[in-house]
Amino acid sequence: MEKSKKIKLFIGLFYVSMVSLFLYFFFSKFSLQEITSYQFIKNNRDYFYHLRETNFILLSILFITFSTLWVLAAGFGTPLALFAGFIFGKWLGLIFSVLGMTFGATLLYVFANYFLKEMIRNKFLNRFKILEEKFKKSEFLYLLIFRFIGGIPFQIQNVLPCIFNVKIYNYFWSTFLGIIPSLFLVISIGSGLEKIIDQNLEAPSVIDLITSPSIYIPLIAFFTLLGITIFLRNLFYKK
């Protein structure tokens, strides 16, 4: 238990240090006023567009690598998905996001399963005891459903299967397939924002944003999926 506490403290300090360093270097280059301006967003959209056109492979590798490390460091996935859609578009953004986030989640699972398993069991087993029998019946199927319906933060989703001794192979592929639907919708919103910024020299109004088909269609689909997952979640977690 003492070892787990030390590892947990180390991970927490490492994560806070990395975030602090990133924020320090970022805000030493840009002011808060700059990053909240429309012109800043548009200029950087043009920069990443040029980078994508001239160094596509390098940018793709960097994004997948960063996504992997971000998720490994217990980061959440929505900002990555929006950024991927904004820079790469719907389909390539989906591929790169799913790869990076699945790699990161799997590495985090392996790490947590080796070092933090007892701590995770003590913290979450009683709360999710109803899932234990389901995972024993069909590890891959129920983990796939678990990924699809969500209901708990992405970071906790990544380590919770430690309780059920899920095989790495099943963990990887159920994560890969299970996160695709929700990721695709968020990525579509990011891609829609990129198109709107590309077509407007001045900042569009909120009405212009939400009435754009590239935004409201994925938003409607997202909330529809959310309703379906809430319904399925009630069935899945039912005793």
Protein backbone atom coordinates (compact mmCIF):
# COMPACT_ATOMS: atom_id res chain seq x y z
CA MET A 1 0.00 0.00 0.00
CA GLU A 2 2.89 2.36 0.85
CA LYS A 3 4.40 1.66 -2.56
CA SER A 4 1.11 2.50 -4.28
CA LYS A 5 0.88 5.79 -2.41
CA LYS A 6 4.39 6.75 -3.48
CA ILE A 7 3.66 5.88 -7.12
CA LYS A 8 0.39 7.80 -7.00
CA LEU A 9 2.20 10.82 -5.52
CA PHE A 10 4.90 10.58 -8.20
CA ILE A 11 2.30 10.41 -11.01
CA GLY A 12 0.41 13.36 -9.55
CA LEU A 13 3.57 15.47 -9.23
CA PHE A 14 4.73 14.50 -12.71
CA TYR A 15 1.37 15.38 -14.24
CA VAL A 16 1.14 18.72 -12.44
CA SER A 17 4.74 19.52 -13.41
CA MET A 18 4.14 18.77 -17.08
CA VAL A 19 0.95 20.83 -17.18
CA SER A 20 2.65 23.70 -15.33
CA LEU A 21 5.64 23.68 -17.71
CA PHE A 22 3.34 23.65 -20.72
CA LEU A 23 1.29 26.56 -19.38
CA TYR A 24 4.44 28.49 -18.48
CA PHE A 25 6.02 28.19 -21.92
CA PHE A 26 2.68 28.75 -23.67
CA PHE A 27 1.82 31.95 -21.79
CA SER A 28 5.40 33.21 -22.11
CA LYS A 29 4.74 33.24 -25.87
CA PHE A 30 1.10 34.36 -25.91
CA SER A 31 -1.08 36.54 -23.72
CA LEU A 32 -4.57 35.57 -22.58
CA GLN A 33 -5.98 38.37 -24.73
CA GLU A 34 -4.23 36.96 -27.81
CA ILE A 35 -5.42 33.38 -27.45
CA THR A 36 -9.02 34.46 -26.91
CA SER A 37 -9.07 36.61 -30.05
CA TYR A 38 -10.61 35.37 -33.28
CA GLN A 39 -7.59 36.54 -35.28
CA PHE A 40 -5.28 34.37 -33.16
CA ILE A 41 -7.44 31.30 -33.85
CA LYS A 42 -7.63 32.06 -37.57
CA ASN A 43 -3.90 32.71 -37.90
CA ASN A 44 -3.05 29.46 -36.15
CA ARG A 45 -5.60 27.64 -38.27
CA ASP A 46 -3.69 28.93 -41.32
CA TYR A 47 -0.38 27.92 -39.73
CA PHE A 48 -1.51 24.36 -39.04
CA TYR A 49 -3.10 24.14 -42.48
CA HIS A 50 0.23 25.09 -44.06
CA LEU A 51 2.06 22.65 -41.78
CA ARG A 52 -0.38 19.88 -42.75
CA GLU A 53 0.18 20.57 -46.44
CA THR A 54 3.99 20.65 -46.22
CA ASN A 55 4.73 18.19 -43.37
CA PHE A 56 1.69 15.95 -43.19
CA ILE A 57 3.50 12.80 -42.03
CA LEU A 58 5.47 14.65 -39.35
CA LEU A 59 2.37 16.43 -38.05
CA SER A 60 0.42 13.14 -37.99
CA ILE A 61 3.16 11.35 -36.05
CA LEU A 62 3.46 14.25 -33.59
CA PHE A 63 -0.28 14.32 -33.01
CA ILE A 64 -0.53 10.55 -32.42
CA THR A 65 2.51 10.68 -30.10
CA PHE A 66 1.14 13.64 -28.16
CA SER A 67 -2.29 12.01 -27.90
CA THR A 68 -0.71 8.83 -26.56
CA LEU A 69 1.31 10.70 -23.92
CA TRP A 70 -1.64 12.94 -23.02
CA VAL A 71 -3.97 10.01 -22.35
CA LEU A 72 -1.16 8.11 -20.59
CA ALA A 73 -0.86 11.12 -18.28
CA ALA A 74 -4.60 10.78 -17.53
CA GLY A 75 -5.68 13.59 -19.82
CA PHE A 76 -9.24 13.75 -21.13
CA GLY A 77 -10.05 13.18 -24.77
CA THR A 78 -12.49 15.88 -25.92
CA PRO A 79 -9.88 18.63 -26.59
CA LEU A 80 -7.81 16.18 -28.64
CA ALA A 81 -10.83 15.21 -30.73
CA LEU A 82 -11.79 18.83 -31.41
CA PHE A 83 -8.20 19.66 -32.36
CA ALA A 84 -7.95 16.61 -34.64
CA GLY A 85 -11.14 17.57 -36.49
CA PHE A 86 -9.98 21.17 -36.73
CA ILE A 87 -6.58 20.26 -38.22
CA PHE A 88 -7.07 16.97 -40.09
CA GLY A 89 -10.77 16.90 -40.93
CA LYS A 90 -13.33 14.27 -40.02
CA TRP A 91 -11.88 11.03 -41.35
CA LEU A 92 -8.14 11.49 -40.86
CA GLY A 93 -8.84 13.20 -37.53
CA LEU A 94 -10.84 10.16 -36.45
CA ILE A 95 -8.10 7.71 -37.45
CA PHE A 96 -5.32 9.62 -35.70
CA SER A 97 -7.38 10.32 -32.57
CA VAL A 98 -8.53 6.72 -32.17
CA LEU A 99 -4.98 5.43 -32.63
CA GLY A 100 -3.38 7.88 -30.21
CA MET A 101 -6.05 7.61 -27.55
CA THR A 102 -6.18 3.81 -27.76
CA PHE A 103 -2.40 3.50 -27.47
CA GLY A 104 -2.37 5.92 -24.53
CA ALA A 105 -5.27 4.21 -22.75
CA THR A 106 -3.70 0.77 -23.22
CA LEU A 107 -0.32 1.91 -21.87
CA LEU A 108 -2.07 3.53 -18.91
CA TYR A 109 -3.99 0.31 -18.28
CA VAL A 110 -0.80 -1.77 -18.36
CA PHE A 111 0.91 0.66 -15.99
CA ALA A 112 -2.06 0.83 -13.61
CA ASN A 113 -2.57 -2.93 -13.71
CA TYR A 114 1.04 -3.49 -12.69
CA PHE A 115 1.54 -0.74 -10.11
CA LEU A 116 -1.88 0.49 -8.92
CA LYS A 117 -4.16 -2.52 -9.11
CA GLU A 118 -4.80 -2.92 -5.40
CA MET A 119 -5.41 0.77 -4.92
CA ILE A 120 -7.92 0.80 -7.80
CA ARG A 121 -9.69 -2.29 -6.46
CA ASN A 122 -9.99 -0.78 -3.00
CA LYS A 123 -11.36 2.47 -4.39
CA PHE A 124 -13.78 1.22 -7.07
CA LEU A 125 -14.62 -2.46 -6.56
CA ASN A 126 -17.63 -1.94 -4.29
CA ARG A 127 -19.01 0.76 -6.54
CA PHE A 128 -18.75 -1.33 -9.71
CA LYS A 129 -19.25 -4.79 -8.21
CA ILE A 130 -22.30 -5.31 -10.47
CA LEU A 131 -20.01 -5.31 -13.52
CA GLU A 132 -17.76 -8.12 -12.29
CA GLU A 133 -20.08 -10.96 -13.35
CA LYS A 134 -20.77 -9.30 -16.71
CA PHE A 135 -17.08 -9.04 -17.52
CA LYS A 136 -16.60 -12.69 -16.59
CA LYS A 137 -19.26 -13.72 -19.12
CA SER A 138 -17.74 -11.90 -22.09
CA GLU A 139 -14.76 -9.70 -21.42
CA PHE A 140 -14.53 -8.14 -24.89
CA LEU A 141 -18.26 -7.58 -25.43
CA TYR A 142 -18.95 -5.94 -22.08
CA LEU A 143 -15.84 -3.79 -22.23
CA LEU A 144 -16.92 -2.68 -25.71
CA ILE A 145 -20.36 -1.72 -24.34
CA PHE A 146 -18.70 -0.10 -21.33
CA ARG A 147 -16.59 2.06 -23.65
CA PHE A 148 -19.54 2.96 -25.84
CA ILE A 149 -21.97 4.05 -23.14
CA GLY A 150 -19.43 5.75 -20.88
CA GLY A 151 -21.07 7.37 -17.88
CA ILE A 152 -17.83 7.89 -15.97
CA PRO A 153 -14.82 10.11 -16.77
CA PHE A 154 -12.54 8.86 -19.54
CA GLN A 155 -9.54 8.74 -17.19
CA ILE A 156 -11.35 6.38 -14.81
CA GLN A 157 -12.63 4.28 -17.72
CA ASN A 158 -9.03 3.65 -18.70
CA VAL A 159 -7.99 2.09 -15.38
CA LEU A 160 -11.24 0.58 -14.10
CA PRO A 161 -10.80 -2.70 -16.06
CA CYS A 162 -7.85 -3.46 -13.77
CA ILE A 163 -10.50 -4.65 -11.32
CA PHE A 164 -11.70 -7.32 -13.74
CA ASN A 165 -8.29 -8.57 -14.99
CA VAL A 166 -9.12 -7.73 -18.61
CA LYS A 167 -6.68 -9.14 -21.17
CA ILE A 168 -4.61 -6.49 -22.96
CA TYR A 169 -5.74 -7.71 -26.39
CA ASN A 170 -9.42 -7.37 -25.46
CA TYR A 171 -8.77 -4.03 -23.79
CA PHE A 172 -7.05 -2.59 -26.87
CA TRP A 173 -9.66 -3.61 -29.44
CA SER A 174 -12.71 -2.87 -27.33
CA THR A 175 -11.28 0.59 -26.64
CA PHE A 176 -10.40 1.09 -30.31
CA LEU A 177 -13.91 0.25 -31.47
CA GLY A 178 -15.88 1.58 -28.50
CA ILE A 179 -14.63 5.17 -28.62
CA ILE A 180 -15.21 5.65 -32.37
CA PRO A 181 -18.89 6.83 -32.32
CA SER A 182 -18.55 9.59 -29.73
CA LEU A 183 -15.12 10.65 -31.03
CA PHE A 184 -16.41 10.95 -34.58
CA LEU A 185 -19.16 13.35 -33.52
CA VAL A 186 -16.79 15.58 -31.53
CA ILE A 187 -14.27 15.51 -34.39
CA SER A 188 -17.05 16.49 -36.81
CA ILE A 189 -17.74 19.58 -34.69
CA GLY A 190 -14.03 20.48 -34.78
CA SER A 191 -13.97 20.01 -38.56
CA GLY A 192 -17.08 22.20 -38.89
CA LEU A 193 -15.44 24.96 -36.87
CA GLU A 194 -12.42 24.85 -39.17
CA LYS A 195 -14.63 25.31 -42.24
CA ILE A 196 -16.47 28.24 -40.68
CA ILE A 197 -13.21 29.98 -39.71
CA ASP A 198 -11.85 29.38 -43.20
CA GLN A 199 -14.89 31.07 -44.76
CA ASN A 200 -15.12 34.06 -42.39
CA LEU A 201 -12.61 36.88 -42.03
CA GLU A 202 -14.45 38.20 -38.99
CA ALA A 203 -15.64 36.22 -35.99
CA PRO A 204 -19.05 34.62 -36.73
CA SER A 205 -21.90 35.10 -34.26
CA VAL A 206 -23.19 32.30 -32.07
CA ILE A 207 -26.31 32.13 -34.28
CA ASP A 208 -24.14 31.71 -37.38
CA LEU A 209 -22.26 28.90 -35.68
CA ILE A 210 -25.22 26.87 -34.47
CA THR A 211 -27.18 27.33 -37.71
CA SER A 212 -24.32 26.05 -39.82
CA PRO A 213 -25.02 22.46 -41.04
CA SER A 214 -21.41 21.48 -40.29
CA ILE A 215 -22.09 22.30 -36.62
CA TYR A 216 -25.75 21.62 -35.89
CA ILE A 217 -25.89 18.24 -37.65
CA PRO A 218 -23.10 16.66 -35.54
CA LEU A 219 -24.52 18.42 -32.46
CA ILE A 220 -27.95 16.85 -33.04
CA ALA A 221 -26.29 13.49 -33.66
CA PHE A 222 -24.21 13.93 -30.50
CA PHE A 223 -27.23 14.62 -28.29
CA THR A 224 -29.11 11.74 -29.92
CA LEU A 225 -26.20 9.44 -29.14
CA LEU A 226 -26.11 10.85 -25.62
CA GLY A 227 -29.77 9.97 -25.12
CA ILE A 228 -29.19 6.43 -26.41
CA THR A 229 -26.17 5.93 -24.17
CA ILE A 230 -28.08 7.17 -21.10
CA PHE A 231 -30.81 4.62 -21.81
CA LEU A 232 -28.27 1.83 -22.36
CA ARG A 233 -26.32 2.94 -19.30
CA ASN A 234 -29.34 2.39 -17.08
CA LEU A 235 -29.65 -1.15 -18.43
CA PHE A 236 -25.94 -1.89 -18.25
CA TYR A 237 -25.47 -0.77 -14.64
CA LYS A 238 -28.76 -2.28 -13.52
CA LYS A 239 -28.37 -4.87 -10.79
